[in-house]
Amino acid sequence: MSKMVELPFRIVFGLLWLIYFVVRFYFQRKVRGVRNYSLVNEKQEKIFFRLFALAYLLLPLYFLTAWIDFAHLPLPLWLRWVGSIVTVLGIGLFGWAHYTLGLNWTAILALSKEHELVMDGPYKYVRHPMYSAFFTIGLGFLLLSANWLISFIYLVTLGAMYLARVAREEEMMISRFGEAYKLYMQRTGRILPRLKI
């Protein structure tokens, strides 16, 4: 693996990682302390949140060091540039989902008294577009970095969080919004739009 060939990918990866971080930080600051939330399984939620945050914080190992270069995948250069486009699309969806949720967003499973059922923006098509964005970003980072280890850490942690949380999140929404959420579930897919036949 040539350092000169790899350098542009490391730079682009680092910039996209930073943009991803700034988007999350911006929306997290907007909602901090604005509403009081009742938490669902607080201990487990904090564990998953910290694990995913740790996986996210390990991503700079690719663009700041050569420690994990042993996990390099021999992907064609054009596919790696496609990875940058996929990552940008994922970050765009991530920002759009955050913007649409507004004050209804929390990093952990929780509801406030003022919580609204959001069904516009990306939520018109999927119930969990933030997970759609996370998986898209993960795929983009895999292609862009061509590093199986960093992608494995991120995607496995994300997959575990998704499997453990999504059903509980939907139960929480049904208990709060009842029939309205059940009808919404019939019109939308979880992380991919429902195909209309």
C-alpha atoms as a PDB file:
ATOM      1  CA  MET A   1       0.000   0.000   0.000  1.00  0.00           C
ATOM      2  CA  SER A   2       1.647   3.229  -1.189  1.00  0.00           C
ATOM      3  CA  LYS A   3       1.580   6.111   1.304  1.00  0.00           C
ATOM      4  CA  MET A   4       1.051   8.620  -1.507  1.00  0.00           C
ATOM      5  CA  VAL A   5      -1.918   6.674  -2.879  1.00  0.00           C
ATOM      6  CA  GLU A   6      -3.404   6.292   0.607  1.00  0.00           C
ATOM      7  CA  LEU A   7      -2.946   9.912   1.745  1.00  0.00           C
ATOM      8  CA  PRO A   8      -5.941  11.453  -0.130  1.00  0.00           C
ATOM      9  CA  PHE A   9      -8.235   8.755   1.254  1.00  0.00           C
ATOM     10  CA  ARG A  10      -7.006   9.383   4.807  1.00  0.00           C
ATOM     11  CA  ILE A  11      -7.571  13.134   4.408  1.00  0.00           C
ATOM     12  CA  VAL A  12     -11.081  12.727   2.971  1.00  0.00           C
ATOM     13  CA  PHE A  13     -11.950  10.141   5.637  1.00  0.00           C
ATOM     14  CA  GLY A  14     -10.731  12.502   8.379  1.00  0.00           C
ATOM     15  CA  LEU A  15     -12.729  15.432   6.987  1.00  0.00           C
ATOM     16  CA  LEU A  16     -15.909  13.359   6.686  1.00  0.00           C
ATOM     17  CA  TRP A  17     -15.420  11.952  10.188  1.00  0.00           C
ATOM     18  CA  LEU A  18     -15.105  15.537  11.478  1.00  0.00           C
ATOM     19  CA  ILE A  19     -18.255  16.673   9.613  1.00  0.00           C
ATOM     20  CA  TYR A  20     -20.142  13.667  11.035  1.00  0.00           C
ATOM     21  CA  PHE A  21     -18.960  14.658  14.524  1.00  0.00           C
ATOM     22  CA  VAL A  22     -19.896  18.340  14.057  1.00  0.00           C
ATOM     23  CA  VAL A  23     -23.409  17.458  12.832  1.00  0.00           C
ATOM     24  CA  ARG A  24     -24.041  15.241  15.892  1.00  0.00           C
ATOM     25  CA  PHE A  25     -22.492  17.770  18.282  1.00  0.00           C
ATOM     26  CA  TYR A  26     -24.576  20.627  16.828  1.00  0.00           C
ATOM     27  CA  PHE A  27     -27.908  18.840  17.210  1.00  0.00           C
ATOM     28  CA  GLN A  28     -26.966  17.370  20.584  1.00  0.00           C
ATOM     29  CA  ARG A  29     -26.287  20.857  21.950  1.00  0.00           C
ATOM     30  CA  LYS A  30     -29.642  22.110  20.617  1.00  0.00           C
ATOM     31  CA  VAL A  31     -31.621  19.587  22.647  1.00  0.00           C
ATOM     32  CA  ARG A  32     -29.487  19.422  25.800  1.00  0.00           C
ATOM     33  CA  GLY A  33     -31.522  20.306  28.873  1.00  0.00           C
ATOM     34  CA  VAL A  34     -34.538  21.559  26.877  1.00  0.00           C
ATOM     35  CA  ARG A  35     -36.934  18.774  27.925  1.00  0.00           C
ATOM     36  CA  ASN A  36     -37.271  16.280  30.753  1.00  0.00           C
ATOM     37  CA  TYR A  37     -37.293  12.674  29.582  1.00  0.00           C
ATOM     38  CA  SER A  38     -38.438   9.439  31.146  1.00  0.00           C
ATOM     39  CA  LEU A  39     -35.836   6.844  30.269  1.00  0.00           C
ATOM     40  CA  VAL A  40     -36.406   3.263  29.166  1.00  0.00           C
ATOM     41  CA  ASN A  41     -33.875   0.825  30.691  1.00  0.00           C
ATOM     42  CA  GLU A  42     -31.360   3.580  31.486  1.00  0.00           C
ATOM     43  CA  LYS A  43     -28.444   1.292  32.439  1.00  0.00           C
ATOM     44  CA  GLN A  44     -28.552  -0.733  29.199  1.00  0.00           C
ATOM     45  CA  GLU A  45     -29.048   2.423  27.145  1.00  0.00           C
ATOM     46  CA  LYS A  46     -25.944   4.056  28.579  1.00  0.00           C
ATOM     47  CA  ILE A  47     -23.882   0.926  27.875  1.00  0.00           C
ATOM     48  CA  PHE A  48     -24.945   0.840  24.215  1.00  0.00           C
ATOM     49  CA  PHE A  49     -24.451   4.582  23.815  1.00  0.00           C
ATOM     50  CA  ARG A  50     -20.914   4.369  25.236  1.00  0.00           C
ATOM     51  CA  LEU A  51     -20.020   1.347  23.095  1.00  0.00           C
ATOM     52  CA  PHE A  52     -21.154   3.080  19.918  1.00  0.00           C
ATOM     53  CA  ALA A  53     -19.387   6.301  20.951  1.00  0.00           C
ATOM     54  CA  LEU A  54     -16.189   4.286  21.536  1.00  0.00           C
ATOM     55  CA  ALA A  55     -16.476   2.625  18.111  1.00  0.00           C
ATOM     56  CA  TYR A  56     -16.976   6.067  16.565  1.00  0.00           C
ATOM     57  CA  LEU A  57     -13.949   7.452  18.412  1.00  0.00           C
ATOM     58  CA  LEU A  58     -11.798   4.555  17.145  1.00  0.00           C
ATOM     59  CA  LEU A  59     -12.380   5.599  13.512  1.00  0.00           C
ATOM     60  CA  PRO A  60      -9.485   8.138  13.642  1.00  0.00           C
ATOM     61  CA  LEU A  61      -7.100   5.192  14.005  1.00  0.00           C
ATOM     62  CA  TYR A  62      -7.363   4.914  10.230  1.00  0.00           C
ATOM     63  CA  PHE A  63      -6.564   8.495   9.295  1.00  0.00           C
ATOM     64  CA  LEU A  64      -4.199   9.414  12.149  1.00  0.00           C
ATOM     65  CA  THR A  65      -1.962   6.348  12.387  1.00  0.00           C
ATOM     66  CA  ALA A  66      -0.614   3.402  10.419  1.00  0.00           C
ATOM     67  CA  TRP A  67      -1.309   0.985  13.292  1.00  0.00           C
ATOM     68  CA  ILE A  68      -4.173  -0.790  11.550  1.00  0.00           C
ATOM     69  CA  ASP A  69      -2.790  -0.824   8.002  1.00  0.00           C
ATOM     70  CA  PHE A  70      -2.438  -4.613   8.308  1.00  0.00           C
ATOM     71  CA  ALA A  71      -6.238  -4.767   7.813  1.00  0.00           C
ATOM     72  CA  HIS A  72      -6.119  -3.064   4.405  1.00  0.00           C
ATOM     73  CA  LEU A  73      -8.419  -4.445   1.694  1.00  0.00           C
ATOM     74  CA  PRO A  74      -7.259  -4.362  -1.955  1.00  0.00           C
ATOM     75  CA  LEU A  75     -10.227  -2.369  -3.267  1.00  0.00           C
ATOM     76  CA  PRO A  76     -10.017  -0.539  -6.611  1.00  0.00           C
ATOM     77  CA  LEU A  77      -9.441   3.202  -6.287  1.00  0.00           C
ATOM     78  CA  TRP A  78     -12.704   4.087  -8.056  1.00  0.00           C
ATOM     79  CA  LEU A  79     -14.668   2.053  -5.495  1.00  0.00           C
ATOM     80  CA  ARG A  80     -12.942   3.851  -2.646  1.00  0.00           C
ATOM     81  CA  TRP A  81     -14.009   7.218  -4.140  1.00  0.00           C
ATOM     82  CA  VAL A  82     -17.541   5.834  -4.394  1.00  0.00           C
ATOM     83  CA  GLY A  83     -17.178   5.241  -0.653  1.00  0.00           C
ATOM     84  CA  SER A  84     -16.682   8.961  -0.113  1.00  0.00           C
ATOM     85  CA  ILE A  85     -19.933   9.694  -1.996  1.00  0.00           C
ATOM     86  CA  VAL A  86     -21.795   7.044   0.020  1.00  0.00           C
ATOM     87  CA  THR A  87     -20.455   8.584   3.242  1.00  0.00           C
ATOM     88  CA  VAL A  88     -21.559  12.083   2.201  1.00  0.00           C
ATOM     89  CA  LEU A  89     -25.052  10.738   1.421  1.00  0.00           C
ATOM     90  CA  GLY A  90     -25.167   9.034   4.824  1.00  0.00           C
ATOM     91  CA  ILE A  91     -24.112  12.205   6.645  1.00  0.00           C
ATOM     92  CA  GLY A  92     -26.718  14.160   4.666  1.00  0.00           C
ATOM     93  CA  LEU A  93     -29.432  11.712   5.735  1.00  0.00           C
ATOM     94  CA  PHE A  94     -28.120  11.867   9.313  1.00  0.00           C
ATOM     95  CA  GLY A  95     -28.405  15.671   9.365  1.00  0.00           C
ATOM     96  CA  TRP A  96     -31.828  15.601   7.683  1.00  0.00           C
ATOM     97  CA  ALA A  97     -33.167  13.109  10.251  1.00  0.00           C
ATOM     98  CA  HIS A  98     -31.798  15.204  13.122  1.00  0.00           C
ATOM     99  CA  TYR A  99     -33.265  18.402  11.675  1.00  0.00           C
ATOM    100  CA  THR A 100     -36.673  16.783  11.128  1.00  0.00           C
ATOM    101  CA  LEU A 101     -36.824  15.375  14.665  1.00  0.00           C
ATOM    102  CA  GLY A 102     -35.874  18.687  16.248  1.00  0.00           C
ATOM    103  CA  LEU A 103     -36.473  18.580  19.995  1.00  0.00           C
ATOM    104  CA  ASN A 104     -37.936  15.058  19.746  1.00  0.00           C
ATOM    105  CA  TRP A 105     -34.438  13.559  19.401  1.00  0.00           C
ATOM    106  CA  THR A 106     -32.564  11.846  22.224  1.00  0.00           C
ATOM    107  CA  ALA A 107     -29.454   9.681  22.033  1.00  0.00           C
ATOM    108  CA  ILE A 108     -31.047   7.061  24.272  1.00  0.00           C
ATOM    109  CA  LEU A 109     -34.525   5.523  24.450  1.00  0.00           C
ATOM    110  CA  ALA A 110     -36.601   8.154  26.198  1.00  0.00           C
ATOM    111  CA  LEU A 111     -39.786  10.155  25.794  1.00  0.00           C
ATOM    112  CA  SER A 112     -40.791  13.577  27.039  1.00  0.00           C
ATOM    113  CA  LYS A 113     -44.292  14.826  27.830  1.00  0.00           C
ATOM    114  CA  GLU A 114     -44.063  17.043  24.734  1.00  0.00           C
ATOM    115  CA  HIS A 115     -42.913  14.234  22.450  1.00  0.00           C
ATOM    116  CA  GLU A 116     -44.508  14.288  18.991  1.00  0.00           C
ATOM    117  CA  LEU A 117     -44.858  11.543  16.399  1.00  0.00           C
ATOM    118  CA  VAL A 118     -42.725  12.757  13.499  1.00  0.00           C
ATOM    119  CA  MET A 119     -43.812  11.422  10.101  1.00  0.00           C
ATOM    120  CA  ASP A 120     -42.349  13.890   7.614  1.00  0.00           C
ATOM    121  CA  GLY A 121     -38.925  14.404   6.041  1.00  0.00           C
ATOM    122  CA  PRO A 122     -37.092  11.056   5.915  1.00  0.00           C
ATOM    123  CA  TYR A 123     -39.597   9.697   8.459  1.00  0.00           C
ATOM    124  CA  LYS A 124     -42.179   9.714   5.686  1.00  0.00           C
ATOM    125  CA  TYR A 125     -40.363   6.719   4.157  1.00  0.00           C
ATOM    126  CA  VAL A 126     -38.641   4.909   7.053  1.00  0.00           C
ATOM    127  CA  ARG A 127     -39.227   4.798  10.788  1.00  0.00           C
ATOM    128  CA  HIS A 128     -35.547   4.840  11.738  1.00  0.00           C
ATOM    129  CA  PRO A 129     -33.652   6.968   9.196  1.00  0.00           C
ATOM    130  CA  MET A 130     -30.905   7.654  11.694  1.00  0.00           C
ATOM    131  CA  TYR A 131     -30.025   3.961  11.663  1.00  0.00           C
ATOM    132  CA  SER A 132     -30.275   4.045   7.869  1.00  0.00           C
ATOM    133  CA  ALA A 133     -27.755   6.895   7.976  1.00  0.00           C
ATOM    134  CA  PHE A 134     -25.434   5.073  10.402  1.00  0.00           C
ATOM    135  CA  PHE A 135     -25.343   1.959   8.207  1.00  0.00           C
ATOM    136  CA  THR A 136     -24.829   4.064   5.060  1.00  0.00           C
ATOM    137  CA  ILE A 137     -21.967   5.942   6.716  1.00  0.00           C
ATOM    138  CA  GLY A 138     -20.477   2.634   7.887  1.00  0.00           C
ATOM    139  CA  LEU A 139     -20.574   1.220   4.350  1.00  0.00           C
ATOM    140  CA  GLY A 140     -19.078   4.448   3.008  1.00  0.00           C
ATOM    141  CA  PHE A 141     -16.275   4.389   5.576  1.00  0.00           C
ATOM    142  CA  LEU A 142     -15.566   0.714   4.745  1.00  0.00           C
ATOM    143  CA  LEU A 143     -15.163   1.478   1.033  1.00  0.00           C
ATOM    144  CA  LEU A 144     -13.296   4.744   1.575  1.00  0.00           C
ATOM    145  CA  SER A 145     -10.805   3.401   4.124  1.00  0.00           C
ATOM    146  CA  ALA A 146     -10.549  -0.074   2.576  1.00  0.00           C
ATOM    147  CA  ASN A 147      -9.848  -1.235   6.114  1.00  0.00           C
ATOM    148  CA  TRP A 148     -11.843  -4.201   7.376  1.00  0.00           C
ATOM    149  CA  LEU A 149     -10.871  -3.813  11.050  1.00  0.00           C
ATOM    150  CA  ILE A 150     -12.084  -0.256  11.571  1.00  0.00           C
ATOM    151  CA  SER A 151     -15.264  -0.974   9.643  1.00  0.00           C
ATOM    152  CA  PHE A 152     -15.836  -4.216  11.546  1.00  0.00           C
ATOM    153  CA  ILE A 153     -15.597  -2.424  14.903  1.00  0.00           C
ATOM    154  CA  TYR A 154     -18.040   0.285  13.809  1.00  0.00           C
ATOM    155  CA  LEU A 155     -20.566  -1.919  11.990  1.00  0.00           C
ATOM    156  CA  VAL A 156     -20.649  -4.756  14.546  1.00  0.00           C
ATOM    157  CA  THR A 157     -21.226  -2.296  17.400  1.00  0.00           C
ATOM    158  CA  LEU A 158     -23.895  -0.531  15.361  1.00  0.00           C
ATOM    159  CA  GLY A 159     -25.530  -3.839  14.421  1.00  0.00           C
ATOM    160  CA  ALA A 160     -25.645  -4.969  18.059  1.00  0.00           C
ATOM    161  CA  MET A 161     -27.176  -1.656  19.122  1.00  0.00           C
ATOM    162  CA  TYR A 162     -29.722  -1.811  16.300  1.00  0.00           C
ATOM    163  CA  LEU A 163     -30.798  -5.374  17.143  1.00  0.00           C
ATOM    164  CA  ALA A 164     -31.073  -4.618  20.856  1.00  0.00           C
ATOM    165  CA  ARG A 165     -32.879  -1.290  20.562  1.00  0.00           C
ATOM    166  CA  VAL A 166     -35.170  -1.037  17.550  1.00  0.00           C
ATOM    167  CA  ALA A 167     -37.905  -3.426  18.706  1.00  0.00           C
ATOM    168  CA  ARG A 168     -37.928  -1.783  22.155  1.00  0.00           C
ATOM    169  CA  GLU A 169     -38.041   1.657  20.562  1.00  0.00           C
ATOM    170  CA  GLU A 170     -41.065   0.650  18.523  1.00  0.00           C
ATOM    171  CA  GLU A 171     -42.782  -0.820  21.600  1.00  0.00           C
ATOM    172  CA  MET A 172     -42.149   2.474  23.380  1.00  0.00           C
ATOM    173  CA  MET A 173     -43.686   4.426  20.492  1.00  0.00           C
ATOM    174  CA  ILE A 174     -46.724   2.120  20.322  1.00  0.00           C
ATOM    175  CA  SER A 175     -47.311   2.511  24.060  1.00  0.00           C
ATOM    176  CA  ARG A 176     -47.193   6.283  23.637  1.00  0.00           C
ATOM    177  CA  PHE A 177     -48.927   6.840  20.273  1.00  0.00           C
ATOM    178  CA  GLY A 178     -51.029   3.665  19.978  1.00  0.00           C
ATOM    179  CA  GLU A 179     -52.939   3.117  16.751  1.00  0.00           C
ATOM    180  CA  ALA A 180     -51.345   6.116  15.028  1.00  0.00           C
ATOM    181  CA  TYR A 181     -47.920   4.481  15.290  1.00  0.00           C
ATOM    182  CA  LYS A 182     -49.246   1.070  14.201  1.00  0.00           C
ATOM    183  CA  LEU A 183     -50.701   2.650  11.057  1.00  0.00           C
ATOM    184  CA  TYR A 184     -47.413   4.469  10.494  1.00  0.00           C
ATOM    185  CA  MET A 185     -45.582   1.123  10.756  1.00  0.00           C
ATOM    186  CA  GLN A 186     -47.789  -0.311   8.001  1.00  0.00           C
ATOM    187  CA  ARG A 187     -46.813   2.514   5.617  1.00  0.00           C
ATOM    188  CA  THR A 188     -43.070   2.579   6.279  1.00  0.00           C
ATOM    189  CA  GLY A 189     -40.078   0.274   6.478  1.00  0.00           C
ATOM    190  CA  ARG A 190     -37.733   0.164   9.443  1.00  0.00           C
ATOM    191  CA  ILE A 191     -34.544   1.376   7.770  1.00  0.00           C
ATOM    192  CA  LEU A 192     -35.344   0.890   4.083  1.00  0.00           C
ATOM    193  CA  PRO A 193     -38.414   2.340   2.336  1.00  0.00           C
ATOM    194  CA  ARG A 194     -41.270  -0.135   1.954  1.00  0.00           C
ATOM    195  CA  LEU A 195     -41.645  -1.353  -1.614  1.00  0.00           C
ATOM    196  CA  LYS A 196     -45.068  -0.559  -3.012  1.00  0.00           C
ATOM    197  CA  ILE A 197     -46.560  -3.416  -5.026  1.00  0.00           C
END
